[in-house]
Amino acid sequence: MHGVPLDQTEFASDPKTPVSRAEISEIIAMQSRLPCLTLNAGQLPAALATAGEKSEC
């Protein structure tokens, strides 16, 4: 948030939903049985083109 990793902000100590990881993909992966990965804008078109061929999200 504003250049600071989430796990180093006030969200890390939120009493109801603390954030223990800085990477959003790690947080999503913890809540899902599906694999998750991080892509940059340049990687997105190729990932979408092959999305039906892989078991990754």
PDB file of N, CA and C in Angstrom:
ATOM      1  N   MET A   1       0.851  -1.157   0.000  1.00  0.00           N
ATOM      2  CA  MET A   1       0.000   0.000   0.000  1.00  0.00           C
ATOM      3  C   MET A   1       0.904   1.229   0.000  1.00  0.00           C
ATOM      4  N   HIS A   2       0.788   2.042  -1.031  1.00  0.00           N
ATOM      5  CA  HIS A   2       1.637   3.230  -1.182  1.00  0.00           C
ATOM      6  C   HIS A   2       3.111   2.860  -1.107  1.00  0.00           C
ATOM      7  N   GLY A   3       3.478   1.717  -1.699  1.00  0.00           N
ATOM      8  CA  GLY A   3       4.864   1.289  -1.727  1.00  0.00           C
ATOM      9  C   GLY A   3       5.328   0.491  -0.524  1.00  0.00           C
ATOM     10  N   VAL A   4       4.457   0.298   0.459  1.00  0.00           N
ATOM     11  CA  VAL A   4       4.814  -0.464   1.653  1.00  0.00           C
ATOM     12  C   VAL A   4       4.154  -1.841   1.566  1.00  0.00           C
ATOM     13  N   PRO A   5       4.900  -2.923   1.779  1.00  0.00           N
ATOM     14  CA  PRO A   5       4.289  -4.252   1.760  1.00  0.00           C
ATOM     15  C   PRO A   5       3.149  -4.346   2.778  1.00  0.00           C
ATOM     16  N   LEU A   6       2.075  -5.031   2.395  1.00  0.00           N
ATOM     17  CA  LEU A   6       0.889  -5.110   3.253  1.00  0.00           C
ATOM     18  C   LEU A   6       1.192  -5.647   4.646  1.00  0.00           C
ATOM     19  N   ASP A   7       2.104  -6.609   4.733  1.00  0.00           N
ATOM     20  CA  ASP A   7       2.400  -7.188   6.044  1.00  0.00           C
ATOM     21  C   ASP A   7       3.228  -6.259   6.931  1.00  0.00           C
ATOM     22  N   GLN A   8       3.557  -5.068   6.420  1.00  0.00           N
ATOM     23  CA  GLN A   8       4.275  -4.070   7.209  1.00  0.00           C
ATOM     24  C   GLN A   8       3.424  -2.822   7.440  1.00  0.00           C
ATOM     25  N   THR A   9       2.120  -2.937   7.223  1.00  0.00           N
ATOM     26  CA  THR A   9       1.196  -1.820   7.438  1.00  0.00           C
ATOM     27  C   THR A   9       0.273  -2.140   8.602  1.00  0.00           C
ATOM     28  N   GLU A  10      -0.642  -1.255   8.871  1.00  0.00           N
ATOM     29  CA  GLU A  10      -1.618  -1.483   9.937  1.00  0.00           C
ATOM     30  C   GLU A  10      -2.515  -2.684   9.654  1.00  0.00           C
ATOM     31  N   PHE A  11      -2.586  -3.109   8.391  1.00  0.00           N
ATOM     32  CA  PHE A  11      -3.389  -4.284   8.050  1.00  0.00           C
ATOM     33  C   PHE A  11      -2.808  -5.558   8.662  1.00  0.00           C
ATOM     34  N   ALA A  12      -1.524  -5.573   8.944  1.00  0.00           N
ATOM     35  CA  ALA A  12      -0.882  -6.749   9.538  1.00  0.00           C
ATOM     36  C   ALA A  12      -1.428  -7.047  10.930  1.00  0.00           C
ATOM     37  N   SER A  13      -1.850  -6.026  11.645  1.00  0.00           N
ATOM     38  CA  SER A  13      -2.352  -6.231  13.005  1.00  0.00           C
ATOM     39  C   SER A  13      -3.852  -6.020  13.127  1.00  0.00           C
ATOM     40  N   ASP A  14      -4.563  -6.094  12.007  1.00  0.00           N
ATOM     41  CA  ASP A  14      -6.019  -5.967  12.042  1.00  0.00           C
ATOM     42  C   ASP A  14      -6.595  -7.079  12.914  1.00  0.00           C
ATOM     43  N   PRO A  15      -7.438  -6.759  13.901  1.00  0.00           N
ATOM     44  CA  PRO A  15      -7.940  -7.784  14.819  1.00  0.00           C
ATOM     45  C   PRO A  15      -8.850  -8.833  14.168  1.00  0.00           C
ATOM     46  N   LYS A  16      -9.570  -8.476  13.136  1.00  0.00           N
ATOM     47  CA  LYS A  16     -10.497  -9.429  12.509  1.00  0.00           C
ATOM     48  C   LYS A  16      -9.858 -10.197  11.360  1.00  0.00           C
ATOM     49  N   THR A  17      -9.102  -9.520  10.524  1.00  0.00           N
ATOM     50  CA  THR A  17      -8.491 -10.168   9.356  1.00  0.00           C
ATOM     51  C   THR A  17      -7.057  -9.684   9.170  1.00  0.00           C
ATOM     52  N   PRO A  18      -6.145 -10.158  10.006  1.00  0.00           N
ATOM     53  CA  PRO A  18      -4.754  -9.718   9.866  1.00  0.00           C
ATOM     54  C   PRO A  18      -4.141 -10.210   8.558  1.00  0.00           C
ATOM     55  N   VAL A  19      -3.278  -9.402   7.986  1.00  0.00           N
ATOM     56  CA  VAL A  19      -2.592  -9.744   6.742  1.00  0.00           C
ATOM     57  C   VAL A  19      -1.184 -10.211   7.107  1.00  0.00           C
ATOM     58  N   SER A  20      -0.900 -11.487   6.841  1.00  0.00           N
ATOM     59  CA  SER A  20       0.391 -12.052   7.229  1.00  0.00           C
ATOM     60  C   SER A  20       1.373 -12.160   6.071  1.00  0.00           C
ATOM     61  N   ARG A  21       0.928 -11.842   4.874  1.00  0.00           N
ATOM     62  CA  ARG A  21       1.771 -11.953   3.684  1.00  0.00           C
ATOM     63  C   ARG A  21       1.704 -10.653   2.886  1.00  0.00           C
ATOM     64  N   ALA A  22       2.793 -10.314   2.222  1.00  0.00           N
ATOM     65  CA  ALA A  22       2.817  -9.106   1.398  1.00  0.00           C
ATOM     66  C   ALA A  22       2.288  -9.376  -0.003  1.00  0.00           C
ATOM     67  N   GLU A  23       2.473 -10.594  -0.508  1.00  0.00           N
ATOM     68  CA  GLU A  23       2.046 -10.942  -1.863  1.00  0.00           C
ATOM     69  C   GLU A  23       0.575 -11.346  -1.884  1.00  0.00           C
ATOM     70  N   ILE A  24      -0.229 -10.628  -2.644  1.00  0.00           N
ATOM     71  CA  ILE A  24      -1.652 -10.941  -2.754  1.00  0.00           C
ATOM     72  C   ILE A  24      -1.853 -12.361  -3.270  1.00  0.00           C
ATOM     73  N   SER A  25      -1.013 -12.802  -4.198  1.00  0.00           N
ATOM     74  CA  SER A  25      -1.154 -14.160  -4.734  1.00  0.00           C
ATOM     75  C   SER A  25      -0.969 -15.211  -3.644  1.00  0.00           C
ATOM     76  N   GLU A  26      -0.112 -14.962  -2.666  1.00  0.00           N
ATOM     77  CA  GLU A  26       0.076 -15.893  -1.554  1.00  0.00           C
ATOM     78  C   GLU A  26      -1.167 -15.940  -0.675  1.00  0.00           C
ATOM     79  N   ILE A  27      -1.789 -14.793  -0.459  1.00  0.00           N
ATOM     80  CA  ILE A  27      -3.006 -14.736   0.357  1.00  0.00           C
ATOM     81  C   ILE A  27      -4.128 -15.501  -0.336  1.00  0.00           C
ATOM     82  N   ILE A  28      -4.283 -15.290  -1.635  1.00  0.00           N
ATOM     83  CA  ILE A  28      -5.315 -15.996  -2.397  1.00  0.00           C
ATOM     84  C   ILE A  28      -5.032 -17.496  -2.385  1.00  0.00           C
ATOM     85  N   ALA A  29      -3.781 -17.886  -2.574  1.00  0.00           N
ATOM     86  CA  ALA A  29      -3.414 -19.303  -2.590  1.00  0.00           C
ATOM     87  C   ALA A  29      -3.731 -19.975  -1.258  1.00  0.00           C
ATOM     88  N   MET A  30      -3.598 -19.261  -0.157  1.00  0.00           N
ATOM     89  CA  MET A  30      -3.912 -19.814   1.159  1.00  0.00           C
ATOM     90  C   MET A  30      -5.405 -20.090   1.311  1.00  0.00           C
ATOM     91  N   GLN A  31      -6.226 -19.406   0.539  1.00  0.00           N
ATOM     92  CA  GLN A  31      -7.676 -19.515   0.659  1.00  0.00           C
ATOM     93  C   GLN A  31      -8.295 -20.375  -0.432  1.00  0.00           C
ATOM     94  N   SER A  32      -7.479 -21.011  -1.252  1.00  0.00           N
ATOM     95  CA  SER A  32      -7.982 -21.745  -2.406  1.00  0.00           C
ATOM     96  C   SER A  32      -7.246 -23.067  -2.573  1.00  0.00           C
ATOM     97  N   ARG A  33      -7.913 -24.014  -3.197  1.00  0.00           N
ATOM     98  CA  ARG A  33      -7.261 -25.274  -3.548  1.00  0.00           C
ATOM     99  C   ARG A  33      -6.608 -25.173  -4.920  1.00  0.00           C
ATOM    100  N   LEU A  34      -6.878 -24.101  -5.627  1.00  0.00           N
ATOM    101  CA  LEU A  34      -6.321 -23.903  -6.963  1.00  0.00           C
ATOM    102  C   LEU A  34      -4.951 -23.239  -6.877  1.00  0.00           C
ATOM    103  N   PRO A  35      -4.027 -23.623  -7.742  1.00  0.00           N
ATOM    104  CA  PRO A  35      -2.734 -22.936  -7.759  1.00  0.00           C
ATOM    105  C   PRO A  35      -2.902 -21.498  -8.246  1.00  0.00           C
ATOM    106  N   CYS A  36      -2.029 -20.648  -7.802  1.00  0.00           N
ATOM    107  CA  CYS A  36      -2.121 -19.236  -8.159  1.00  0.00           C
ATOM    108  C   CYS A  36      -0.726 -18.736  -8.518  1.00  0.00           C
ATOM    109  N   LEU A  37      -0.655 -17.804  -9.448  1.00  0.00           N
ATOM    110  CA  LEU A  37       0.629 -17.238  -9.825  1.00  0.00           C
ATOM    111  C   LEU A  37       0.495 -15.748 -10.066  1.00  0.00           C
ATOM    112  N   THR A  38       1.624 -15.080 -10.063  1.00  0.00           N
ATOM    113  CA  THR A  38       1.671 -13.644 -10.293  1.00  0.00           C
ATOM    114  C   THR A  38       2.193 -13.387 -11.701  1.00  0.00           C
ATOM    115  N   LEU A  39       1.486 -12.556 -12.443  1.00  0.00           N
ATOM    116  CA  LEU A  39       1.877 -12.198 -13.808  1.00  0.00           C
ATOM    117  C   LEU A  39       2.021 -10.692 -13.921  1.00  0.00           C
ATOM    118  N   ASN A  40       2.918 -10.262 -14.802  1.00  0.00           N
ATOM    119  CA  ASN A  40       2.956  -8.838 -15.108  1.00  0.00           C
ATOM    120  C   ASN A  40       2.147  -8.612 -16.380  1.00  0.00           C
ATOM    121  N   ALA A  41       1.946  -7.379 -16.750  1.00  0.00           N
ATOM    122  CA  ALA A  41       1.094  -7.059 -17.902  1.00  0.00           C
ATOM    123  C   ALA A  41       1.604  -7.691 -19.193  1.00  0.00           C
ATOM    124  N   GLY A  42       2.894  -7.824 -19.345  1.00  0.00           N
ATOM    125  CA  GLY A  42       3.457  -8.419 -20.541  1.00  0.00           C
ATOM    126  C   GLY A  42       3.214  -9.917 -20.644  1.00  0.00           C
ATOM    127  N   GLN A  43       3.042 -10.581 -19.511  1.00  0.00           N
ATOM    128  CA  GLN A  43       2.817 -12.024 -19.485  1.00  0.00           C
ATOM    129  C   GLN A  43       1.343 -12.394 -19.619  1.00  0.00           C
ATOM    130  N   LEU A  44       0.466 -11.450 -19.376  1.00  0.00           N
ATOM    131  CA  LEU A  44      -0.966 -11.736 -19.332  1.00  0.00           C
ATOM    132  C   LEU A  44      -1.541 -12.286 -20.633  1.00  0.00           C
ATOM    133  N   PRO A  45      -1.273 -11.701 -21.798  1.00  0.00           N
ATOM    134  CA  PRO A  45      -1.866 -12.247 -23.030  1.00  0.00           C
ATOM    135  C   PRO A  45      -1.537 -13.724 -23.259  1.00  0.00           C
ATOM    136  N   ALA A  46      -0.295 -14.109 -23.063  1.00  0.00           N
ATOM    137  CA  ALA A  46       0.094 -15.511 -23.261  1.00  0.00           C
ATOM    138  C   ALA A  46      -0.570 -16.414 -22.231  1.00  0.00           C
ATOM    139  N   ALA A  47      -0.672 -15.951 -20.999  1.00  0.00           N
ATOM    140  CA  ALA A  47      -1.315 -16.753 -19.954  1.00  0.00           C
ATOM    141  C   ALA A  47      -2.793 -16.954 -20.253  1.00  0.00           C
ATOM    142  N   LEU A  48      -3.460 -15.918 -20.730  1.00  0.00           N
ATOM    143  CA  LEU A  48      -4.877 -16.041 -21.073  1.00  0.00           C
ATOM    144  C   LEU A  48      -5.080 -16.962 -22.269  1.00  0.00           C
ATOM    145  N   ALA A  49      -4.174 -16.903 -23.222  1.00  0.00           N
ATOM    146  CA  ALA A  49      -4.291 -17.738 -24.420  1.00  0.00           C
ATOM    147  C   ALA A  49      -4.167 -19.220 -24.094  1.00  0.00           C
ATOM    148  N   THR A  50      -3.417 -19.543 -23.049  1.00  0.00           N
ATOM    149  CA  THR A  50      -3.218 -20.945 -22.687  1.00  0.00           C
ATOM    150  C   THR A  50      -3.957 -21.341 -21.416  1.00  0.00           C
ATOM    151  N   ALA A  51      -4.800 -20.473 -20.894  1.00  0.00           N
ATOM    152  CA  ALA A  51      -5.476 -20.726 -19.619  1.00  0.00           C
ATOM    153  C   ALA A  51      -6.294 -22.009 -19.628  1.00  0.00           C
ATOM    154  N   GLY A  52      -6.944 -22.329 -20.708  1.00  0.00           N
ATOM    155  CA  GLY A  52      -7.748 -23.541 -20.772  1.00  0.00           C
ATOM    156  C   GLY A  52      -6.921 -24.804 -20.856  1.00  0.00           C
ATOM    157  N   GLU A  53      -5.651 -24.672 -21.179  1.00  0.00           N
ATOM    158  CA  GLU A  53      -4.767 -25.817 -21.333  1.00  0.00           C
ATOM    159  C   GLU A  53      -4.077 -26.202 -20.035  1.00  0.00           C
ATOM    160  N   LYS A  54      -4.037 -25.294 -19.076  1.00  0.00           N
ATOM    161  CA  LYS A  54      -3.328 -25.529 -17.821  1.00  0.00           C
ATOM    162  C   LYS A  54      -4.315 -25.605 -16.670  1.00  0.00           C
ATOM    163  N   SER A  55      -3.840 -26.111 -15.531  1.00  0.00           N
ATOM    164  CA  SER A  55      -4.669 -26.157 -14.335  1.00  0.00           C
ATOM    165  C   SER A  55      -4.325 -25.026 -13.384  1.00  0.00           C
ATOM    166  N   GLU A  56      -3.626 -23.981 -13.880  1.00  0.00           N
ATOM    167  CA  GLU A  56      -3.249 -22.844 -13.051  1.00  0.00           C
ATOM    168  C   GLU A  56      -4.262 -21.718 -13.206  1.00  0.00           C
ATOM    169  N   CYS A  57      -4.362 -20.873 -12.174  1.00  0.00           N
ATOM    170  CA  CYS A  57      -5.225 -19.691 -12.259  1.00  0.00           C
ATOM    171  C   CYS A  57      -4.383 -18.449 -12.306  1.00  0.00           C
TER     172      CYS A  57
END
